[in-house]
PDB file of all heavy atoms in Angstrom:
ATOM      1  N   SER A   1       8.610   5.816 -12.118  1.00  0.00           N
ATOM      2  CA  SER A   1       7.488   4.887 -12.292  1.00  0.00           C
ATOM      3  C   SER A   1       7.071   4.868 -13.760  1.00  0.00           C
ATOM      4  O   SER A   1       7.119   5.896 -14.442  1.00  0.00           O
ATOM      5  CB  SER A   1       6.298   5.321 -11.433  1.00  0.00           C
ATOM      6  OG  SER A   1       6.676   5.445 -10.081  1.00  0.00           O
ATOM      7  N   GLN A   2       6.681   3.677 -14.258  1.00  0.00           N
ATOM      8  CA  GLN A   2       6.195   3.603 -15.634  1.00  0.00           C
ATOM      9  C   GLN A   2       4.944   4.442 -15.820  1.00  0.00           C
ATOM     10  O   GLN A   2       4.745   5.074 -16.855  1.00  0.00           O
ATOM     11  CB  GLN A   2       5.923   2.145 -16.020  1.00  0.00           C
ATOM     12  CG  GLN A   2       7.194   1.314 -16.147  1.00  0.00           C
ATOM     13  CD  GLN A   2       6.904  -0.083 -16.650  1.00  0.00           C
ATOM     14  OE1 GLN A   2       5.800  -0.599 -16.479  1.00  0.00           O
ATOM     15  NE2 GLN A   2       7.902  -0.700 -17.267  1.00  0.00           N
ATOM     16  N   HIS A   3       4.107   4.447 -14.803  1.00  0.00           N
ATOM     17  CA  HIS A   3       2.937   5.322 -14.770  1.00  0.00           C
ATOM     18  C   HIS A   3       2.961   6.024 -13.420  1.00  0.00           C
ATOM     19  O   HIS A   3       3.132   5.371 -12.384  1.00  0.00           O
ATOM     20  CB  HIS A   3       1.638   4.529 -14.924  1.00  0.00           C
ATOM     21  CG  HIS A   3       1.581   3.703 -16.160  1.00  0.00           C
ATOM     22  ND1 HIS A   3       1.410   4.250 -17.410  1.00  0.00           N
ATOM     23  CD2 HIS A   3       1.712   2.367 -16.348  1.00  0.00           C
ATOM     24  CE1 HIS A   3       1.420   3.288 -18.317  1.00  0.00           C
ATOM     25  NE2 HIS A   3       1.604   2.122 -17.693  1.00  0.00           N
ATOM     26  N   ARG A   4       2.790   7.346 -13.420  1.00  0.00           N
ATOM     27  CA  ARG A   4       2.835   8.077 -12.152  1.00  0.00           C
ATOM     28  C   ARG A   4       1.780   7.524 -11.206  1.00  0.00           C
ATOM     29  O   ARG A   4       0.616   7.417 -11.567  1.00  0.00           O
ATOM     30  CB  ARG A   4       2.596   9.574 -12.387  1.00  0.00           C
ATOM     31  CG  ARG A   4       2.856  10.385 -11.125  1.00  0.00           C
ATOM     32  CD  ARG A   4       2.870  11.877 -11.414  1.00  0.00           C
ATOM     33  NE  ARG A   4       3.261  12.620 -10.208  1.00  0.00           N
ATOM     34  CZ  ARG A   4       2.415  13.018  -9.290  1.00  0.00           C
ATOM     35  NH1 ARG A   4       1.130  12.766  -9.428  1.00  0.00           N
ATOM     36  NH2 ARG A   4       2.830  13.683  -8.228  1.00  0.00           N
ATOM     37  N   GLU A   5       2.224   7.156 -10.010  1.00  0.00           N
ATOM     38  CA  GLU A   5       1.328   6.503  -9.054  1.00  0.00           C
ATOM     39  C   GLU A   5       0.705   7.559  -8.149  1.00  0.00           C
ATOM     40  O   GLU A   5       1.352   8.072  -7.241  1.00  0.00           O
ATOM     41  CB  GLU A   5       2.108   5.452  -8.258  1.00  0.00           C
ATOM     42  CG  GLU A   5       2.462   4.253  -9.123  1.00  0.00           C
ATOM     43  CD  GLU A   5       3.805   3.622  -8.777  1.00  0.00           C
ATOM     44  OE1 GLU A   5       4.526   4.169  -7.934  1.00  0.00           O
ATOM     45  OE2 GLU A   5       4.126   2.584  -9.367  1.00  0.00           O
ATOM     46  N   TYR A   6      -0.535   7.897  -8.438  1.00  0.00           N
ATOM     47  CA  TYR A   6      -1.215   8.946  -7.696  1.00  0.00           C
ATOM     48  C   TYR A   6      -2.660   8.536  -7.484  1.00  0.00           C
ATOM     49  O   TYR A   6      -3.372   8.220  -8.431  1.00  0.00           O
ATOM     50  CB  TYR A   6      -1.164  10.272  -8.465  1.00  0.00           C
ATOM     51  CG  TYR A   6      -1.786  11.421  -7.717  1.00  0.00           C
ATOM     52  CD1 TYR A   6      -1.040  12.182  -6.818  1.00  0.00           C
ATOM     53  CD2 TYR A   6      -3.120  11.744  -7.891  1.00  0.00           C
ATOM     54  CE1 TYR A   6      -1.607  13.232  -6.108  1.00  0.00           C
ATOM     55  CE2 TYR A   6      -3.700  12.799  -7.188  1.00  0.00           C
ATOM     56  CZ  TYR A   6      -2.937  13.533  -6.307  1.00  0.00           C
ATOM     57  OH  TYR A   6      -3.512  14.558  -5.613  1.00  0.00           O
ATOM     58  N   GLY A   7      -3.070   8.523  -6.234  1.00  0.00           N
ATOM     59  CA  GLY A   7      -4.463   8.208  -5.926  1.00  0.00           C
ATOM     60  C   GLY A   7      -4.587   6.955  -5.076  1.00  0.00           C
ATOM     61  O   GLY A   7      -3.625   6.458  -4.484  1.00  0.00           O
ATOM     62  N   ARG A   8      -5.792   6.439  -5.044  1.00  0.00           N
ATOM     63  CA  ARG A   8      -6.102   5.287  -4.182  1.00  0.00           C
ATOM     64  C   ARG A   8      -5.509   3.992  -4.735  1.00  0.00           C
ATOM     65  O   ARG A   8      -5.469   3.791  -5.941  1.00  0.00           O
ATOM     66  CB  ARG A   8      -7.613   5.142  -4.020  1.00  0.00           C
ATOM     67  CG  ARG A   8      -8.255   6.303  -3.267  1.00  0.00           C
ATOM     68  CD  ARG A   8      -9.774   6.214  -3.314  1.00  0.00           C
ATOM     69  NE  ARG A   8     -10.399   7.281  -2.542  1.00  0.00           N
ATOM     70  CZ  ARG A   8     -10.597   8.511  -2.987  1.00  0.00           C
ATOM     71  NH1 ARG A   8     -10.214   8.824  -4.224  1.00  0.00           N
ATOM     72  NH2 ARG A   8     -11.172   9.427  -2.231  1.00  0.00           N
ATOM     73  N   ALA A   9      -5.069   3.136  -3.822  1.00  0.00           N
ATOM     74  CA  ALA A   9      -4.560   1.818  -4.192  1.00  0.00           C
ATOM     75  C   ALA A   9      -4.920   0.845  -3.071  1.00  0.00           C
ATOM     76  O   ALA A   9      -5.272   1.255  -1.958  1.00  0.00           O
ATOM     77  CB  ALA A   9      -3.049   1.863  -4.402  1.00  0.00           C
ATOM     78  N   ARG A  10      -4.834  -0.447  -3.370  1.00  0.00           N
ATOM     79  CA  ARG A  10      -5.136  -1.485  -2.383  1.00  0.00           C
ATOM     80  C   ARG A  10      -3.843  -2.123  -1.900  1.00  0.00           C
ATOM     81  O   ARG A  10      -3.045  -2.622  -2.697  1.00  0.00           O
ATOM     82  CB  ARG A  10      -6.058  -2.552  -2.988  1.00  0.00           C
ATOM     83  CG  ARG A  10      -7.467  -2.062  -3.256  1.00  0.00           C
ATOM     84  CD  ARG A  10      -8.210  -1.816  -1.959  1.00  0.00           C
ATOM     85  NE  ARG A  10      -9.476  -1.103  -2.157  1.00  0.00           N
ATOM     86  CZ  ARG A  10     -10.269  -0.705  -1.176  1.00  0.00           C
ATOM     87  NH1 ARG A  10      -9.912  -0.951   0.083  1.00  0.00           N
ATOM     88  NH2 ARG A  10     -11.378  -0.052  -1.425  1.00  0.00           N
ATOM     89  N   LEU A  11      -3.657  -2.103  -0.588  1.00  0.00           N
ATOM     90  CA  LEU A  11      -2.433  -2.636  -0.001  1.00  0.00           C
ATOM     91  C   LEU A  11      -2.612  -4.112   0.302  1.00  0.00           C
ATOM     92  O   LEU A  11      -3.485  -4.501   1.080  1.00  0.00           O
ATOM     93  CB  LEU A  11      -2.118  -1.872   1.293  1.00  0.00           C
ATOM     94  CG  LEU A  11      -0.745  -2.119   1.913  1.00  0.00           C
ATOM     95  CD1 LEU A  11       0.339  -1.489   1.039  1.00  0.00           C
ATOM     96  CD2 LEU A  11      -0.681  -1.533   3.322  1.00  0.00           C
ATOM     97  N   GLU A  12      -1.790  -4.950  -0.306  1.00  0.00           N
ATOM     98  CA  GLU A  12      -1.807  -6.389  -0.056  1.00  0.00           C
ATOM     99  C   GLU A  12      -0.680  -6.718   0.923  1.00  0.00           C
ATOM    100  O   GLU A  12       0.498  -6.577   0.603  1.00  0.00           O
ATOM    101  CB  GLU A  12      -1.638  -7.174  -1.357  1.00  0.00           C
ATOM    102  CG  GLU A  12      -2.721  -6.887  -2.399  1.00  0.00           C
ATOM    103  CD  GLU A  12      -4.132  -7.265  -1.913  1.00  0.00           C
ATOM    104  OE1 GLU A  12      -4.235  -8.168  -1.040  1.00  0.00           O
ATOM    105  OE2 GLU A  12      -5.101  -6.651  -2.379  1.00  0.00           O
ATOM    106  N   ILE A  13      -1.049  -7.159   2.113  1.00  0.00           N
ATOM    107  CA  ILE A  13      -0.054  -7.417   3.157  1.00  0.00           C
ATOM    108  C   ILE A  13       0.591  -8.789   2.929  1.00  0.00           C
ATOM    109  O   ILE A  13      -0.097  -9.804   2.825  1.00  0.00           O
ATOM    110  CB  ILE A  13      -0.703  -7.349   4.546  1.00  0.00           C
ATOM    111  CG1 ILE A  13      -1.251  -5.930   4.777  1.00  0.00           C
ATOM    112  CG2 ILE A  13       0.301  -7.723   5.640  1.00  0.00           C
ATOM    113  CD1 ILE A  13      -2.044  -5.776   6.047  1.00  0.00           C
ATOM    114  N   GLU A  14       1.909  -8.812   2.855  1.00  0.00           N
ATOM    115  CA  GLU A  14       2.636 -10.050   2.615  1.00  0.00           C
ATOM    116  C   GLU A  14       3.186 -10.655   3.906  1.00  0.00           C
ATOM    117  O   GLU A  14       3.403 -11.857   3.979  1.00  0.00           O
ATOM    118  CB  GLU A  14       3.783  -9.804   1.627  1.00  0.00           C
ATOM    119  CG  GLU A  14       3.289  -9.332   0.255  1.00  0.00           C
ATOM    120  CD  GLU A  14       4.385  -9.348  -0.787  1.00  0.00           C
ATOM    121  OE1 GLU A  14       5.443  -9.976  -0.539  1.00  0.00           O
ATOM    122  OE2 GLU A  14       4.190  -8.748  -1.854  1.00  0.00           O
ATOM    123  N   ASP A  15       3.433  -9.803   4.896  1.00  0.00           N
ATOM    124  CA  ASP A  15       3.961 -10.295   6.173  1.00  0.00           C
ATOM    125  C   ASP A  15       2.937 -10.006   7.264  1.00  0.00           C
ATOM    126  O   ASP A  15       2.870  -8.909   7.812  1.00  0.00           O
ATOM    127  CB  ASP A  15       5.292  -9.608   6.490  1.00  0.00           C
ATOM    128  CG  ASP A  15       5.919 -10.133   7.777  1.00  0.00           C
ATOM    129  OD1 ASP A  15       5.283 -10.965   8.451  1.00  0.00           O
ATOM    130  OD2 ASP A  15       7.039  -9.688   8.115  1.00  0.00           O
ATOM    131  N   ARG A  16       2.130 -11.035   7.571  1.00  0.00           N
ATOM    132  CA  ARG A  16       1.063 -10.870   8.554  1.00  0.00           C
ATOM    133  C   ARG A  16       1.602 -10.718   9.977  1.00  0.00           C
ATOM    134  O   ARG A  16       0.880 -10.329  10.890  1.00  0.00           O
ATOM    135  CB  ARG A  16       0.116 -12.069   8.487  1.00  0.00           C
ATOM    136  CG  ARG A  16      -0.961 -11.929   7.439  1.00  0.00           C
ATOM    137  CD  ARG A  16      -1.982 -10.908   7.908  1.00  0.00           C
ATOM    138  NE  ARG A  16      -2.753 -10.340   6.826  1.00  0.00           N
ATOM    139  CZ  ARG A  16      -3.470  -9.245   6.920  1.00  0.00           C
ATOM    140  NH1 ARG A  16      -3.468  -8.569   8.065  1.00  0.00           N
ATOM    141  NH2 ARG A  16      -4.154  -8.771   5.921  1.00  0.00           N
ATOM    142  N   ASP A  17       2.880 -10.990  10.172  1.00  0.00           N
ATOM    143  CA  ASP A  17       3.481 -10.845  11.497  1.00  0.00           C
ATOM    144  C   ASP A  17       4.121  -9.467  11.700  1.00  0.00           C
ATOM    145  O   ASP A  17       4.696  -9.196  12.755  1.00  0.00           O
ATOM    146  CB  ASP A  17       4.558 -11.921  11.716  1.00  0.00           C
ATOM    147  CG  ASP A  17       3.961 -13.325  11.746  1.00  0.00           C
ATOM    148  OD1 ASP A  17       2.821 -13.443  12.252  1.00  0.00           O
ATOM    149  OD2 ASP A  17       4.616 -14.262  11.266  1.00  0.00           O
ATOM    150  N   SER A  18       4.026  -8.610  10.681  1.00  0.00           N
ATOM    151  CA  SER A  18       4.649  -7.294  10.773  1.00  0.00           C
ATOM    152  C   SER A  18       3.986  -6.443  11.849  1.00  0.00           C
ATOM    153  O   SER A  18       2.769  -6.245  11.841  1.00  0.00           O
ATOM    154  CB  SER A  18       4.559  -6.572   9.426  1.00  0.00           C
ATOM    155  OG  SER A  18       4.930  -5.213   9.556  1.00  0.00           O
ATOM    156  N   SER A  19       4.779  -5.905  12.761  1.00  0.00           N
ATOM    157  CA  SER A  19       4.248  -5.024  13.806  1.00  0.00           C
ATOM    158  C   SER A  19       3.704  -3.730  13.217  1.00  0.00           C
ATOM    159  O   SER A  19       2.752  -3.148  13.750  1.00  0.00           O
ATOM    160  CB  SER A  19       5.347  -4.690  14.827  1.00  0.00           C
ATOM    161  OG  SER A  19       5.834  -5.860  15.444  1.00  0.00           O
ATOM    162  N   LEU A  20       4.281  -3.270  12.116  1.00  0.00           N
ATOM    163  CA  LEU A  20       3.829  -2.021  11.509  1.00  0.00           C
ATOM    164  C   LEU A  20       2.433  -2.152  10.919  1.00  0.00           C
ATOM    165  O   LEU A  20       1.647  -1.192  10.932  1.00  0.00           O
ATOM    166  CB  LEU A  20       4.813  -1.584  10.413  1.00  0.00           C
ATOM    167  CG  LEU A  20       4.516  -0.242   9.747  1.00  0.00           C
ATOM    168  CD1 LEU A  20       4.705   0.898  10.745  1.00  0.00           C
ATOM    169  CD2 LEU A  20       5.396  -0.026   8.522  1.00  0.00           C
ATOM    170  N   LEU A  21       2.111  -3.338  10.413  1.00  0.00           N
ATOM    171  CA  LEU A  21       0.841  -3.527   9.708  1.00  0.00           C
ATOM    172  C   LEU A  21      -0.191  -4.291  10.540  1.00  0.00           C
ATOM    173  O   LEU A  21      -1.237  -4.690  10.018  1.00  0.00           O
ATOM    174  CB  LEU A  21       1.099  -4.271   8.389  1.00  0.00           C
ATOM    175  CG  LEU A  21       2.144  -3.621   7.461  1.00  0.00           C
ATOM    176  CD1 LEU A  21       2.357  -4.476   6.217  1.00  0.00           C
ATOM    177  CD2 LEU A  21       1.730  -2.204   7.078  1.00  0.00           C
ATOM    178  N   ALA A  22       0.063  -4.473  11.806  1.00  0.00           N
ATOM    179  CA  ALA A  22      -0.854  -5.225  12.672  1.00  0.00           C
ATOM    180  C   ALA A  22      -2.232  -4.571  12.696  1.00  0.00           C
ATOM    181  O   ALA A  22      -2.370  -3.361  12.813  1.00  0.00           O
ATOM    182  CB  ALA A  22      -0.292  -5.287  14.097  1.00  0.00           C
ATOM    183  N   GLY A  23      -3.250  -5.392  12.531  1.00  0.00           N
ATOM    184  CA  GLY A  23      -4.621  -4.907  12.606  1.00  0.00           C
ATOM    185  C   GLY A  23      -5.168  -4.333  11.326  1.00  0.00           C
ATOM    186  O   GLY A  23      -6.355  -3.980  11.251  1.00  0.00           O
ATOM    187  N   LEU A  24      -4.344  -4.201  10.278  1.00  0.00           N
ATOM    188  CA  LEU A  24      -4.849  -3.698   9.001  1.00  0.00           C
ATOM    189  C   LEU A  24      -5.576  -4.813   8.257  1.00  0.00           C
ATOM    190  O   LEU A  24      -5.204  -5.993   8.345  1.00  0.00           O
ATOM    191  CB  LEU A  24      -3.705  -3.170   8.132  1.00  0.00           C
ATOM    192  CG  LEU A  24      -3.353  -1.676   8.319  1.00  0.00           C
ATOM    193  CD1 LEU A  24      -2.822  -1.399   9.716  1.00  0.00           C
ATOM    194  CD2 LEU A  24      -2.360  -1.231   7.257  1.00  0.00           C
ATOM    195  N   SER A  25      -6.606  -4.457   7.527  1.00  0.00           N
ATOM    196  CA  SER A  25      -7.369  -5.451   6.766  1.00  0.00           C
ATOM    197  C   SER A  25      -6.544  -5.968   5.595  1.00  0.00           C
ATOM    198  O   SER A  25      -5.548  -5.359   5.194  1.00  0.00           O
ATOM    199  CB  SER A  25      -8.680  -4.847   6.274  1.00  0.00           C
ATOM    200  OG  SER A  25      -8.447  -3.686   5.509  1.00  0.00           O
ATOM    201  N   SER A  26      -6.966  -7.072   5.034  1.00  0.00           N
ATOM    202  CA  SER A  26      -6.163  -7.767   4.019  1.00  0.00           C
ATOM    203  C   SER A  26      -6.005  -6.966   2.739  1.00  0.00           C
ATOM    204  O   SER A  26      -5.065  -7.170   1.992  1.00  0.00           O
ATOM    205  CB  SER A  26      -6.787  -9.131   3.703  1.00  0.00           C
ATOM    206  OG  SER A  26      -8.116  -8.960   3.265  1.00  0.00           O
ATOM    207  N   SER A  27      -6.913  -6.049   2.453  1.00  0.00           N
ATOM    208  CA  SER A  27      -6.814  -5.234   1.250  1.00  0.00           C
ATOM    209  C   SER A  27      -7.166  -3.798   1.611  1.00  0.00           C
ATOM    210  O   SER A  27      -8.191  -3.249   1.230  1.00  0.00           O
ATOM    211  CB  SER A  27      -7.760  -5.765   0.163  1.00  0.00           C
ATOM    212  OG  SER A  27      -7.568  -5.085  -1.051  1.00  0.00           O
ATOM    213  N   SER A  28      -6.262  -3.181   2.361  1.00  0.00           N
ATOM    214  CA  SER A  28      -6.522  -1.847   2.913  1.00  0.00           C
ATOM    215  C   SER A  28      -6.312  -0.768   1.855  1.00  0.00           C
ATOM    216  O   SER A  28      -5.370  -0.833   1.057  1.00  0.00           O
ATOM    217  CB  SER A  28      -5.580  -1.600   4.097  1.00  0.00           C
ATOM    218  OG  SER A  28      -5.852  -0.375   4.704  1.00  0.00           O
ATOM    219  N   GLN A  29      -7.186   0.253   1.856  1.00  0.00           N
ATOM    220  CA  GLN A  29      -7.036   1.354   0.906  1.00  0.00           C
ATOM    221  C   GLN A  29      -5.976   2.331   1.396  1.00  0.00           C
ATOM    222  O   GLN A  29      -6.010   2.778   2.533  1.00  0.00           O
ATOM    223  CB  GLN A  29      -8.360   2.094   0.729  1.00  0.00           C
ATOM    224  CG  GLN A  29      -8.258   3.318  -0.197  1.00  0.00           C
ATOM    225  CD  GLN A  29      -9.571   4.050  -0.335  1.00  0.00           C
ATOM    226  OE1 GLN A  29     -10.509   3.540  -0.927  1.00  0.00           O
ATOM    227  NE2 GLN A  29      -9.640   5.256   0.213  1.00  0.00           N
ATOM    228  N   VAL A  30      -5.022   2.649   0.503  1.00  0.00           N
ATOM    229  CA  VAL A  30      -3.972   3.619   0.832  1.00  0.00           C
ATOM    230  C   VAL A  30      -3.900   4.678  -0.267  1.00  0.00           C
ATOM    231  O   VAL A  30      -4.434   4.493  -1.365  1.00  0.00           O
ATOM    232  CB  VAL A  30      -2.600   2.932   1.002  1.00  0.00           C
ATOM    233  CG1 VAL A  30      -2.623   1.985   2.186  1.00  0.00           C
ATOM    234  CG2 VAL A  30      -2.185   2.195  -0.274  1.00  0.00           C
ATOM    235  N   TRP A  31      -3.208   5.768   0.027  1.00  0.00           N
ATOM    236  CA  TRP A  31      -3.092   6.882  -0.911  1.00  0.00           C
ATOM    237  C   TRP A  31      -1.658   6.996  -1.405  1.00  0.00           C
ATOM    238  O   TRP A  31      -0.730   7.157  -0.640  1.00  0.00           O
ATOM    239  CB  TRP A  31      -3.501   8.190  -0.229  1.00  0.00           C
ATOM    240  CG  TRP A  31      -3.484   9.382  -1.142  1.00  0.00           C
ATOM    241  CD1 TRP A  31      -2.508  10.331  -1.235  1.00  0.00           C
ATOM    242  CD2 TRP A  31      -4.481   9.749  -2.104  1.00  0.00           C
ATOM    243  NE1 TRP A  31      -2.829  11.267  -2.181  1.00  0.00           N
ATOM    244  CE2 TRP A  31      -4.050  10.941  -2.731  1.00  0.00           C
ATOM    245  CE3 TRP A  31      -5.707   9.183  -2.481  1.00  0.00           C
ATOM    246  CZ2 TRP A  31      -4.799  11.581  -3.724  1.00  0.00           C
ATOM    247  CZ3 TRP A  31      -6.451   9.827  -3.467  1.00  0.00           C
ATOM    248  CH2 TRP A  31      -5.998  11.006  -4.084  1.00  0.00           C
ATOM    249  N   MET A  32      -1.494   6.861  -2.731  1.00  0.00           N
ATOM    250  CA  MET A  32      -0.183   6.968  -3.372  1.00  0.00           C
ATOM    251  C   MET A  32      -0.018   8.366  -3.966  1.00  0.00           C
ATOM    252  O   MET A  32      -0.977   8.969  -4.453  1.00  0.00           O
ATOM    253  CB  MET A  32      -0.058   5.946  -4.506  1.00  0.00           C
ATOM    254  CG  MET A  32      -0.048   4.494  -4.052  1.00  0.00           C
ATOM    255  SD  MET A  32       1.563   4.087  -3.362  1.00  0.00           S
ATOM    256  CE  MET A  32       1.374   2.308  -3.137  1.00  0.00           C
ATOM    257  N   SER A  33       1.219   8.885  -3.926  1.00  0.00           N
ATOM    258  CA  SER A  33       1.506  10.166  -4.554  1.00  0.00           C
ATOM    259  C   SER A  33       3.005  10.268  -4.820  1.00  0.00           C
ATOM    260  O   SER A  33       3.748  10.892  -4.089  1.00  0.00           O
ATOM    261  CB  SER A  33       1.050  11.326  -3.657  1.00  0.00           C
ATOM    262  OG  SER A  33       1.340  12.566  -4.263  1.00  0.00           O
ATOM    263  N   HIS A  34       3.455   9.611  -5.885  1.00  0.00           N
ATOM    264  CA  HIS A  34       4.886   9.647  -6.196  1.00  0.00           C
ATOM    265  C   HIS A  34       5.136   9.332  -7.662  1.00  0.00           C
ATOM    266  O   HIS A  34       4.364   8.633  -8.310  1.00  0.00           O
ATOM    267  CB  HIS A  34       5.669   8.676  -5.298  1.00  0.00           C
ATOM    268  CG  HIS A  34       5.197   7.249  -5.357  1.00  0.00           C
ATOM    269  ND1 HIS A  34       5.745   6.325  -6.185  1.00  0.00           N
ATOM    270  CD2 HIS A  34       4.216   6.614  -4.669  1.00  0.00           C
ATOM    271  CE1 HIS A  34       5.132   5.149  -6.018  1.00  0.00           C
ATOM    272  NE2 HIS A  34       4.195   5.310  -5.096  1.00  0.00           N
ATOM    273  N   GLY A  35       6.230   9.898  -8.179  1.00  0.00           N
ATOM    274  CA  GLY A  35       6.620   9.667  -9.568  1.00  0.00           C
ATOM    275  C   GLY A  35       7.732   8.649  -9.719  1.00  0.00           C
ATOM    276  O   GLY A  35       8.016   8.196 -10.821  1.00  0.00           O
ATOM    277  N   ASP A  36       8.388   8.296  -8.592  1.00  0.00           N
ATOM    278  CA  ASP A  36       9.434   7.272  -8.584  1.00  0.00           C
ATOM    279  C   ASP A  36       8.920   6.047  -7.844  1.00  0.00           C
ATOM    280  O   ASP A  36       7.921   6.115  -7.125  1.00  0.00           O
ATOM    281  CB  ASP A  36      10.695   7.782  -7.870  1.00  0.00           C
ATOM    282  CG  ASP A  36      11.389   8.891  -8.633  1.00  0.00           C
ATOM    283  OD1 ASP A  36      11.166   8.997  -9.851  1.00  0.00           O
ATOM    284  OD2 ASP A  36      12.134   9.663  -8.000  1.00  0.00           O
ATOM    285  N   THR A  37       9.651   4.943  -8.003  1.00  0.00           N
ATOM    286  CA  THR A  37       9.309   3.758  -7.232  1.00  0.00           C
ATOM    287  C   THR A  37      10.573   2.956  -6.935  1.00  0.00           C
ATOM    288  O   THR A  37      11.562   3.025  -7.686  1.00  0.00           O
ATOM    289  CB  THR A  37       8.284   2.886  -7.984  1.00  0.00           C
ATOM    290  OG1 THR A  37       7.740   1.928  -7.088  1.00  0.00           O
ATOM    291  CG2 THR A  37       8.910   2.169  -9.172  1.00  0.00           C
TER     292      THR A  37
END
C-alpha cells in the first residue's frame, strides 16, 4: 500500500445486489489493518 491502511474507513457498496453485503448501510464503518492491497 502507498500508505499503510490501518484504522477506520467507510465502505462504499458498489453492488447493492450482493448477498454478502445485504442490509449494510451505504457508508458503513469498517476496520482496516494491512500493509498490502
